[in-house]
Amino acid sequence: MFWTVTLSLLQGFGQTLKLFALTLLFALPLGLIISFGSMSKFKPIKAFSRLLVWVIRGTPLMLQLIVIYYGPGLIGATAARWISEGAAGSFFTWIASWHVFDRFVAVLIAFVINYACYFSEIYRGGIESISKGQYEAGQVLGLSKSQTFFKVILFQVIKRIIPPMSNEIITLVKDTSLARTIAIYEIIWNGQAFIKSDGLLWPLLYTGIFYLLFNGLLTVVFGKIEKKMDYYNC
């Protein structure tokens, strides 16, 4: 029974790792873009970026999952009832069927947007923590703004954001369990399934070991990265 449970949990953990990896792949660069928007001198972009961050950070991730997965269908169904005849009614009826689109894609979209907004604030804090004197020094040396950022500022920012970024990434590992809200069969779902099928609680508790081991590995990796970045004292 132990190996049966382990294999089932490994299968679920594979889905967890997939969600984790894809979220980082898309959220890290998107967060940087949003942070640039938040610091933009163009007020409409700055206002939109900060509004987005405020909404995402101020609402639960579980609610965002539900809205992204069920929202298009609910909106379409409501509109279809209002416009029951003609091409417009058919269009909104089609929109209402969107709730059957891939669940994993819906979860990934929600996680990417959510974590991109959190990462953007970490990026923004790191970038704004660098003194303006360093930008001015880059100009004196004849560097463009982009050259100054990538050659002088970037690695100092990376050094400063590693601790808060590592905390968010470890939180992401645990937050992947929320994917079961819309029936994604991740590790918690697989562990919980044994309660319903066999009346066993320990498989659910057993999932904690997977999280502990993976988060322990991430902690070691981030610790080594911090030591390597000690070269950039700032």
Protein backbone atom coordinates (compact mmCIF):
# COMPACT_ATOMS: atom_id res chain seq x y z
CA MET A 1 0.00 0.00 0.00
CA PHE A 2 2.88 2.34 0.81
CA TRP A 3 4.31 2.09 -2.71
CA THR A 4 0.89 2.54 -4.26
CA VAL A 5 0.43 5.74 -2.29
CA THR A 6 3.96 6.92 -3.08
CA LEU A 7 3.52 6.37 -6.82
CA SER A 8 0.20 8.22 -6.74
CA LEU A 9 1.73 11.13 -4.85
CA LEU A 10 4.71 11.23 -7.21
CA GLN A 11 2.30 11.51 -10.11
CA GLY A 12 0.51 14.39 -8.40
CA PHE A 13 3.81 16.01 -7.47
CA GLY A 14 4.79 15.93 -11.14
CA GLN A 15 1.76 18.12 -11.87
CA THR A 16 2.77 20.38 -8.98
CA LEU A 17 6.30 20.76 -10.37
CA LYS A 18 4.92 21.47 -13.84
CA LEU A 19 2.74 24.28 -12.51
CA PHE A 20 5.62 25.62 -10.40
CA ALA A 21 8.12 25.66 -13.26
CA LEU A 22 5.77 27.22 -15.83
CA THR A 23 4.62 29.86 -13.36
CA LEU A 24 8.22 30.95 -12.75
CA LEU A 25 9.03 30.83 -16.46
CA PHE A 26 6.29 33.33 -17.30
CA ALA A 27 5.85 35.28 -14.04
CA LEU A 28 9.49 36.35 -13.59
CA PRO A 29 9.77 38.29 -16.88
CA LEU A 30 6.16 39.51 -16.68
CA GLY A 31 6.82 40.83 -13.19
CA LEU A 32 9.79 42.82 -14.48
CA ILE A 33 7.60 44.35 -17.20
CA ILE A 34 4.92 45.27 -14.67
CA SER A 35 7.55 46.83 -12.40
CA PHE A 36 8.76 49.01 -15.26
CA GLY A 37 5.12 49.99 -15.82
CA SER A 38 4.75 50.89 -12.15
CA MET A 39 7.80 53.15 -12.40
CA SER A 40 6.90 54.59 -15.79
CA LYS A 41 6.72 58.35 -16.20
CA PHE A 42 3.76 57.82 -18.57
CA LYS A 43 0.89 58.20 -16.12
CA PRO A 44 -1.73 55.93 -17.82
CA ILE A 45 0.70 52.99 -17.86
CA LYS A 46 1.82 53.70 -14.30
CA ALA A 47 -1.80 53.95 -13.09
CA PHE A 48 -2.83 50.73 -14.86
CA SER A 49 0.18 48.78 -13.54
CA ARG A 50 -0.34 49.92 -9.96
CA LEU A 51 -4.10 49.27 -10.15
CA LEU A 52 -3.43 45.74 -11.41
CA VAL A 53 -0.94 45.08 -8.62
CA TRP A 54 -3.34 46.51 -6.02
CA VAL A 55 -6.25 44.33 -7.20
CA ILE A 56 -4.20 41.12 -7.46
CA ARG A 57 -2.42 41.58 -4.13
CA GLY A 58 -5.65 42.59 -2.42
CA THR A 59 -7.72 39.55 -3.40
CA PRO A 60 -7.20 35.85 -2.60
CA LEU A 61 -5.52 33.65 -5.18
CA MET A 62 -8.35 31.13 -4.80
CA LEU A 63 -10.87 33.79 -5.85
CA GLN A 64 -8.70 34.68 -8.85
CA LEU A 65 -8.63 31.02 -9.90
CA ILE A 66 -12.41 30.80 -9.77
CA VAL A 67 -12.91 34.07 -11.65
CA ILE A 68 -10.47 33.16 -14.45
CA TYR A 69 -11.89 29.66 -14.92
CA TYR A 70 -15.61 30.28 -14.46
CA GLY A 71 -15.77 34.01 -15.20
CA PRO A 72 -15.98 33.94 -19.02
CA GLY A 73 -18.72 31.33 -18.94
CA LEU A 74 -20.76 33.16 -16.32
CA ILE A 75 -20.45 36.47 -18.17
CA GLY A 76 -21.39 34.82 -21.46
CA ALA A 77 -24.37 33.01 -19.95
CA THR A 78 -25.66 36.23 -18.39
CA ALA A 79 -25.25 38.16 -21.64
CA ALA A 80 -26.91 35.35 -23.62
CA ARG A 81 -29.98 35.59 -21.38
CA TRP A 82 -30.15 39.34 -21.98
CA ILE A 83 -29.72 38.99 -25.74
CA SER A 84 -31.56 35.80 -26.56
CA GLU A 85 -32.05 36.41 -30.28
CA GLY A 86 -29.85 37.12 -33.27
CA ALA A 87 -26.14 36.74 -33.89
CA ALA A 88 -25.22 38.56 -30.68
CA GLY A 89 -27.14 36.01 -28.63
CA SER A 90 -25.35 33.15 -30.41
CA PHE A 91 -22.03 34.85 -29.79
CA PHE A 92 -22.60 35.16 -26.06
CA THR A 93 -23.89 31.60 -25.90
CA TRP A 94 -20.59 30.51 -27.44
CA ILE A 95 -18.72 32.59 -24.85
CA ALA A 96 -20.72 30.81 -22.14
CA SER A 97 -19.17 27.49 -23.20
CA TRP A 98 -15.69 28.71 -22.32
CA HIS A 99 -15.90 27.21 -18.87
CA VAL A 100 -14.92 23.86 -20.41
CA PHE A 101 -11.50 25.07 -21.62
CA ASP A 102 -8.41 23.42 -20.21
CA ARG A 103 -8.31 23.64 -16.42
CA PHE A 104 -4.54 23.65 -16.23
CA VAL A 105 -4.33 26.67 -18.54
CA ALA A 106 -6.78 28.55 -16.30
CA VAL A 107 -4.69 27.72 -13.22
CA LEU A 108 -1.47 28.72 -14.96
CA ILE A 109 -2.91 32.08 -16.05
CA ALA A 110 -4.08 32.82 -12.51
CA PHE A 111 -0.75 31.86 -10.96
CA VAL A 112 1.32 33.78 -13.51
CA ILE A 113 -0.67 36.99 -13.08
CA ASN A 114 -0.72 36.67 -9.30
CA TYR A 115 2.98 36.00 -8.84
CA ALA A 116 4.03 38.46 -11.56
CA CYS A 117 2.36 41.21 -9.51
CA TYR A 118 4.16 40.14 -6.32
CA PHE A 119 7.47 39.81 -8.15
CA SER A 120 6.96 43.26 -9.71
CA GLU A 121 6.92 44.88 -6.29
CA ILE A 122 10.11 43.05 -5.33
CA TYR A 123 11.76 44.17 -8.57
CA ARG A 124 10.56 47.74 -8.06
CA GLY A 125 11.87 47.83 -4.49
CA GLY A 126 15.24 46.50 -5.61
CA ILE A 127 15.61 48.91 -8.50
CA GLU A 128 14.53 51.95 -6.49
CA SER A 129 16.90 51.03 -3.66
CA ILE A 130 19.92 51.74 -5.89
CA SER A 131 21.16 55.29 -5.45
CA LYS A 132 20.71 57.71 -8.35
CA GLY A 133 24.41 58.48 -8.09
CA GLN A 134 25.21 55.18 -9.77
CA TYR A 135 23.04 56.06 -12.76
CA GLU A 136 24.77 59.43 -12.96
CA ALA A 137 28.17 57.75 -12.76
CA GLY A 138 27.17 55.56 -15.70
CA GLN A 139 26.28 58.64 -17.72
CA VAL A 140 29.62 60.25 -16.86
CA LEU A 141 31.36 57.13 -18.18
CA GLY A 142 29.46 57.49 -21.43
CA LEU A 143 27.06 54.60 -20.90
CA SER A 144 23.48 54.73 -22.12
CA LYS A 145 20.61 54.16 -19.68
CA SER A 146 20.19 50.55 -20.81
CA GLN A 147 23.95 49.88 -20.58
CA THR A 148 24.06 51.40 -17.10
CA PHE A 149 21.15 49.23 -15.99
CA PHE A 150 22.47 45.93 -17.37
CA LYS A 151 26.17 46.46 -16.62
CA VAL A 152 26.06 48.36 -13.33
CA ILE A 153 22.65 48.16 -11.68
CA LEU A 154 21.22 44.74 -12.57
CA PHE A 155 23.51 42.50 -10.49
CA GLN A 156 23.19 44.76 -7.46
CA VAL A 157 19.41 44.54 -7.80
CA ILE A 158 19.58 40.74 -8.10
CA LYS A 159 21.64 40.54 -4.91
CA ARG A 160 19.10 42.63 -3.00
CA ILE A 161 15.99 40.84 -4.24
CA ILE A 162 17.18 37.25 -3.75
CA PRO A 163 15.94 36.93 -0.11
CA PRO A 164 12.39 38.25 -0.73
CA MET A 165 12.23 36.48 -4.09
CA SER A 166 13.20 33.17 -2.51
CA ASN A 167 10.42 33.60 0.06
CA GLU A 168 7.85 34.16 -2.70
CA ILE A 169 9.10 31.19 -4.71
CA ILE A 170 8.87 28.89 -1.68
CA THR A 171 5.36 30.22 -1.07
CA LEU A 172 4.55 29.40 -4.69
CA VAL A 173 5.44 25.75 -4.07
CA LYS A 174 2.84 25.58 -1.31
CA ASP A 175 0.27 27.65 -3.17
CA THR A 176 0.19 25.13 -6.00
CA SER A 177 -2.10 23.09 -3.73
CA LEU A 178 -4.84 25.65 -4.51
CA ALA A 179 -5.01 24.23 -8.03
CA ARG A 180 -7.32 21.55 -6.70
CA THR A 181 -9.95 24.30 -6.36
CA ILE A 182 -10.80 23.68 -10.00
CA ALA A 183 -9.97 19.96 -9.95
CA ILE A 184 -6.32 19.88 -11.00
CA TYR A 185 -4.94 16.57 -9.77
CA GLU A 186 -1.87 17.82 -7.94
CA ILE A 187 -0.26 16.09 -4.97
CA ILE A 188 -2.75 17.26 -2.29
CA TRP A 189 -5.66 16.08 -4.43
CA ASN A 190 -4.06 12.66 -4.84
CA GLY A 191 -3.35 12.41 -1.12
CA GLN A 192 -6.87 13.46 -0.21
CA ALA A 193 -8.32 10.89 -2.61
CA PHE A 194 -7.17 8.07 -0.28
CA ILE A 195 -9.38 9.46 2.48
CA LYS A 196 -12.44 9.05 0.28
CA SER A 197 -11.48 5.72 -1.28
CA ASP A 198 -9.75 3.88 1.59
CA GLY A 199 -10.40 5.96 4.68
CA LEU A 200 -6.66 6.64 5.09
CA LEU A 201 -5.42 9.94 6.47
CA TRP A 202 -1.68 9.29 6.40
CA PRO A 203 -1.29 9.71 2.60
CA LEU A 204 -2.47 13.30 2.98
CA LEU A 205 0.03 13.90 5.78
CA TYR A 206 2.67 12.12 3.70
CA THR A 207 2.41 14.88 1.07
CA GLY A 208 4.08 17.22 3.58
CA ILE A 209 7.36 15.32 3.15
CA PHE A 210 7.40 16.10 -0.57
CA TYR A 211 6.91 19.79 0.13
CA LEU A 212 9.55 19.82 2.86
CA LEU A 213 12.15 18.09 0.70
CA PHE A 214 11.54 20.31 -2.32
CA ASN A 215 11.50 23.52 -0.28
CA GLY A 216 14.65 22.35 1.51
CA LEU A 217 16.33 21.93 -1.87
CA LEU A 218 15.24 25.42 -2.94
CA THR A 219 16.55 26.86 0.31
CA VAL A 220 19.98 25.32 -0.32
CA VAL A 221 20.01 26.57 -3.92
CA PHE A 222 19.08 30.13 -2.95
CA GLY A 223 21.64 30.06 -0.14
CA LYS A 224 24.38 29.21 -2.64
CA ILE A 225 23.19 31.93 -5.02
CA GLU A 226 23.35 34.49 -2.21
CA LYS A 227 26.94 33.48 -1.39
CA LYS A 228 27.96 33.82 -5.04
CA MET A 229 26.33 37.24 -5.23
CA ASP A 230 28.35 38.45 -2.21
CA TYR A 231 30.82 39.73 -4.77
CA TYR A 232 28.39 42.55 -5.51
CA ASN A 233 28.57 44.33 -2.16
CA CYS A 234 26.14 47.24 -2.12
